[in-house]
């Protein structure tokens, strides 16, 4: 079985959380409703969690599922986004040439502040 990056992150998170909170493989297996062998396979990367097991694991360790599998909403959104500085510079450049009307440096700063605030709330 080939592990995806998310599988590797989940596997490492299970091991880390279990050790951090001093939870034995047997105790974790009991909480998930599986045998110890299943936990060993999870930690070796030869078994995947079911959705129900993932939910139980999230509840048990009080960790969001996204964090367990290494996906944060912000990171996923930023994965495809242009860096804010690059995008702001491009927008300011476009705004300064809109209909060949120059804008003052003060207006440019206000415009940059507006866009920066917009992106801060969006991302």
C-alpha atoms as a PDB file:
ATOM      1  CA  UNK A   1       0.000   0.000   0.000  1.00  0.00           C
ATOM      2  CA  UNK A   2       1.476   3.321  -1.083  1.00  0.00           C
ATOM      3  CA  UNK A   3       1.065   6.057   1.519  1.00  0.00           C
ATOM      4  CA  UNK A   4      -0.079   9.492   0.459  1.00  0.00           C
ATOM      5  CA  UNK A   5       1.346  12.569   2.165  1.00  0.00           C
ATOM      6  CA  UNK A   6      -1.860  12.826   4.216  1.00  0.00           C
ATOM      7  CA  UNK A   7      -1.506   9.164   5.252  1.00  0.00           C
ATOM      8  CA  UNK A   8       2.048   9.853   6.419  1.00  0.00           C
ATOM      9  CA  UNK A   9       0.984  12.942   8.363  1.00  0.00           C
ATOM     10  CA  UNK A  10      -1.891  11.043   9.983  1.00  0.00           C
ATOM     11  CA  UNK A  11       0.359   8.115  10.885  1.00  0.00           C
ATOM     12  CA  UNK A  12       2.922  10.442  12.460  1.00  0.00           C
ATOM     13  CA  UNK A  13       0.209  12.403  14.276  1.00  0.00           C
ATOM     14  CA  UNK A  14      -1.269   9.235  15.755  1.00  0.00           C
ATOM     15  CA  UNK A  15       2.138   8.204  17.071  1.00  0.00           C
ATOM     16  CA  UNK A  16       2.902  11.702  18.398  1.00  0.00           C
ATOM     17  CA  UNK A  17      -0.461  12.172  20.102  1.00  0.00           C
ATOM     18  CA  UNK A  18      -0.395   8.724  21.609  1.00  0.00           C
ATOM     19  CA  UNK A  19       3.065   9.328  23.061  1.00  0.00           C
ATOM     20  CA  UNK A  20       2.322  12.904  24.125  1.00  0.00           C
ATOM     21  CA  UNK A  21      -0.677  11.803  26.172  1.00  0.00           C
ATOM     22  CA  UNK A  22       0.892   8.497  27.294  1.00  0.00           C
ATOM     23  CA  UNK A  23      -1.826   6.398  25.652  1.00  0.00           C
ATOM     24  CA  UNK A  24      -0.908   2.785  24.996  1.00  0.00           C
ATOM     25  CA  UNK A  25      -1.712   1.078  21.712  1.00  0.00           C
ATOM     26  CA  UNK A  26      -4.151  -1.146  23.593  1.00  0.00           C
ATOM     27  CA  UNK A  27      -5.961   1.835  25.156  1.00  0.00           C
ATOM     28  CA  UNK A  28      -6.199   3.609  21.792  1.00  0.00           C
ATOM     29  CA  UNK A  29      -7.433   0.425  20.137  1.00  0.00           C
ATOM     30  CA  UNK A  30     -10.127   0.143  22.801  1.00  0.00           C
ATOM     31  CA  UNK A  31     -11.255   3.752  22.223  1.00  0.00           C
ATOM     32  CA  UNK A  32     -11.456   3.176  18.458  1.00  0.00           C
ATOM     33  CA  UNK A  33     -13.170  -0.184  18.840  1.00  0.00           C
ATOM     34  CA  UNK A  34     -10.401  -2.124  17.091  1.00  0.00           C
ATOM     35  CA  UNK A  35      -7.695  -4.553  18.131  1.00  0.00           C
ATOM     36  CA  UNK A  36      -4.128  -3.590  19.031  1.00  0.00           C
ATOM     37  CA  UNK A  37      -3.016  -5.148  15.748  1.00  0.00           C
ATOM     38  CA  UNK A  38      -4.997  -2.461  13.895  1.00  0.00           C
ATOM     39  CA  UNK A  39      -3.129   0.300  15.760  1.00  0.00           C
ATOM     40  CA  UNK A  40       0.214  -1.333  15.002  1.00  0.00           C
ATOM     41  CA  UNK A  41      -0.713  -1.460  11.314  1.00  0.00           C
ATOM     42  CA  UNK A  42      -1.845   2.194  11.402  1.00  0.00           C
ATOM     43  CA  UNK A  43       1.449   3.243  12.921  1.00  0.00           C
ATOM     44  CA  UNK A  44       3.401   1.137  10.420  1.00  0.00           C
ATOM     45  CA  UNK A  45       1.434   2.625   7.536  1.00  0.00           C
ATOM     46  CA  UNK A  46      -0.093  -0.659   6.376  1.00  0.00           C
ATOM     47  CA  UNK A  47      -3.660   0.178   7.360  1.00  0.00           C
ATOM     48  CA  UNK A  48      -5.890   3.195   6.867  1.00  0.00           C
ATOM     49  CA  UNK A  49      -8.496   4.520   9.268  1.00  0.00           C
ATOM     50  CA  UNK A  50     -12.161   4.329   8.427  1.00  0.00           C
ATOM     51  CA  UNK A  51     -14.150   7.567   8.585  1.00  0.00           C
ATOM     52  CA  UNK A  52     -15.753   6.450  11.853  1.00  0.00           C
ATOM     53  CA  UNK A  53     -12.354   5.654  13.352  1.00  0.00           C
ATOM     54  CA  UNK A  54     -11.013   9.025  12.230  1.00  0.00           C
ATOM     55  CA  UNK A  55     -13.935  10.769  13.942  1.00  0.00           C
ATOM     56  CA  UNK A  56     -13.385   8.757  17.126  1.00  0.00           C
ATOM     57  CA  UNK A  57      -9.666   9.580  17.037  1.00  0.00           C
ATOM     58  CA  UNK A  58     -10.438  13.278  16.588  1.00  0.00           C
ATOM     59  CA  UNK A  59     -12.895  13.204  19.502  1.00  0.00           C
ATOM     60  CA  UNK A  60     -10.556  11.222  21.736  1.00  0.00           C
ATOM     61  CA  UNK A  61      -7.569  13.545  21.284  1.00  0.00           C
ATOM     62  CA  UNK A  62      -9.726  16.691  20.903  1.00  0.00           C
ATOM     63  CA  UNK A  63      -7.977  17.518  17.632  1.00  0.00           C
ATOM     64  CA  UNK A  64      -9.798  18.660  14.471  1.00  0.00           C
ATOM     65  CA  UNK A  65      -9.787  16.091  11.685  1.00  0.00           C
ATOM     66  CA  UNK A  66      -8.130  18.604   9.337  1.00  0.00           C
ATOM     67  CA  UNK A  67      -5.201  18.874  11.744  1.00  0.00           C
ATOM     68  CA  UNK A  68      -4.956  15.099  12.124  1.00  0.00           C
ATOM     69  CA  UNK A  69      -4.607  14.558   8.400  1.00  0.00           C
ATOM     70  CA  UNK A  70      -2.494  17.651   7.824  1.00  0.00           C
ATOM     71  CA  UNK A  71      -4.931  19.782   5.889  1.00  0.00           C
ATOM     72  CA  UNK A  72      -5.773  23.210   7.149  1.00  0.00           C
ATOM     73  CA  UNK A  73      -8.331  25.255   5.300  1.00  0.00           C
ATOM     74  CA  UNK A  74      -6.021  28.245   5.160  1.00  0.00           C
ATOM     75  CA  UNK A  75      -3.129  26.186   3.809  1.00  0.00           C
ATOM     76  CA  UNK A  76      -5.339  24.620   1.154  1.00  0.00           C
ATOM     77  CA  UNK A  77      -6.655  28.025   0.072  1.00  0.00           C
ATOM     78  CA  UNK A  78      -3.158  29.501  -0.008  1.00  0.00           C
ATOM     79  CA  UNK A  79      -1.857  26.561  -2.008  1.00  0.00           C
ATOM     80  CA  UNK A  80      -3.529  27.997  -5.097  1.00  0.00           C
ATOM     81  CA  UNK A  81      -3.423  31.683  -4.222  1.00  0.00           C
ATOM     82  CA  UNK A  82      -0.959  34.212  -5.539  1.00  0.00           C
ATOM     83  CA  UNK A  83       1.179  35.597  -2.706  1.00  0.00           C
ATOM     84  CA  UNK A  84      -0.598  38.632  -1.295  1.00  0.00           C
ATOM     85  CA  UNK A  85       2.342  40.969  -1.839  1.00  0.00           C
ATOM     86  CA  UNK A  86       2.546  40.018  -5.515  1.00  0.00           C
ATOM     87  CA  UNK A  87      -1.194  40.314  -5.990  1.00  0.00           C
ATOM     88  CA  UNK A  88      -1.381  43.669  -4.181  1.00  0.00           C
ATOM     89  CA  UNK A  89       1.455  45.090  -6.263  1.00  0.00           C
ATOM     90  CA  UNK A  90      -0.241  43.939  -9.452  1.00  0.00           C
ATOM     91  CA  UNK A  91      -3.581  45.424  -8.406  1.00  0.00           C
ATOM     92  CA  UNK A  92      -2.010  48.724  -7.423  1.00  0.00           C
ATOM     93  CA  UNK A  93      -0.172  48.875 -10.738  1.00  0.00           C
ATOM     94  CA  UNK A  94      -3.414  48.210 -12.595  1.00  0.00           C
ATOM     95  CA  UNK A  95      -5.251  50.809 -10.534  1.00  0.00           C
ATOM     96  CA  UNK A  96      -2.630  53.470 -11.236  1.00  0.00           C
ATOM     97  CA  UNK A  97      -3.024  52.980 -14.967  1.00  0.00           C
ATOM     98  CA  UNK A  98      -6.790  52.649 -15.047  1.00  0.00           C
ATOM     99  CA  UNK A  99      -7.978  54.939 -17.841  1.00  0.00           C
ATOM    100  CA  UNK A 100      -4.538  56.587 -17.730  1.00  0.00           C
ATOM    101  CA  UNK A 101      -5.520  58.465 -14.572  1.00  0.00           C
ATOM    102  CA  UNK A 102      -2.622  58.651 -12.098  1.00  0.00           C
ATOM    103  CA  UNK A 103      -3.360  58.405  -8.405  1.00  0.00           C
ATOM    104  CA  UNK A 104      -1.442  60.050  -5.592  1.00  0.00           C
ATOM    105  CA  UNK A 105       0.892  58.086  -3.327  1.00  0.00           C
ATOM    106  CA  UNK A 106      -1.542  58.705  -0.434  1.00  0.00           C
ATOM    107  CA  UNK A 107      -4.412  57.217  -2.432  1.00  0.00           C
ATOM    108  CA  UNK A 108      -2.146  54.345  -3.421  1.00  0.00           C
ATOM    109  CA  UNK A 109      -1.444  53.626   0.276  1.00  0.00           C
ATOM    110  CA  UNK A 110      -5.157  53.744   1.100  1.00  0.00           C
ATOM    111  CA  UNK A 111      -5.888  51.417  -1.780  1.00  0.00           C
ATOM    112  CA  UNK A 112      -3.162  49.023  -0.599  1.00  0.00           C
ATOM    113  CA  UNK A 113      -4.620  49.145   2.931  1.00  0.00           C
ATOM    114  CA  UNK A 114      -8.070  48.348   1.610  1.00  0.00           C
ATOM    115  CA  UNK A 115      -6.810  45.388  -0.404  1.00  0.00           C
ATOM    116  CA  UNK A 116      -4.647  44.179   2.468  1.00  0.00           C
ATOM    117  CA  UNK A 117      -7.683  44.266   4.795  1.00  0.00           C
ATOM    118  CA  UNK A 118      -9.768  42.475   2.209  1.00  0.00           C
ATOM    119  CA  UNK A 119      -7.209  39.668   1.847  1.00  0.00           C
ATOM    120  CA  UNK A 120      -6.665  39.420   5.602  1.00  0.00           C
ATOM    121  CA  UNK A 121     -10.367  38.681   6.060  1.00  0.00           C
ATOM    122  CA  UNK A 122     -10.598  36.369   3.068  1.00  0.00           C
ATOM    123  CA  UNK A 123      -7.557  34.178   3.729  1.00  0.00           C
END
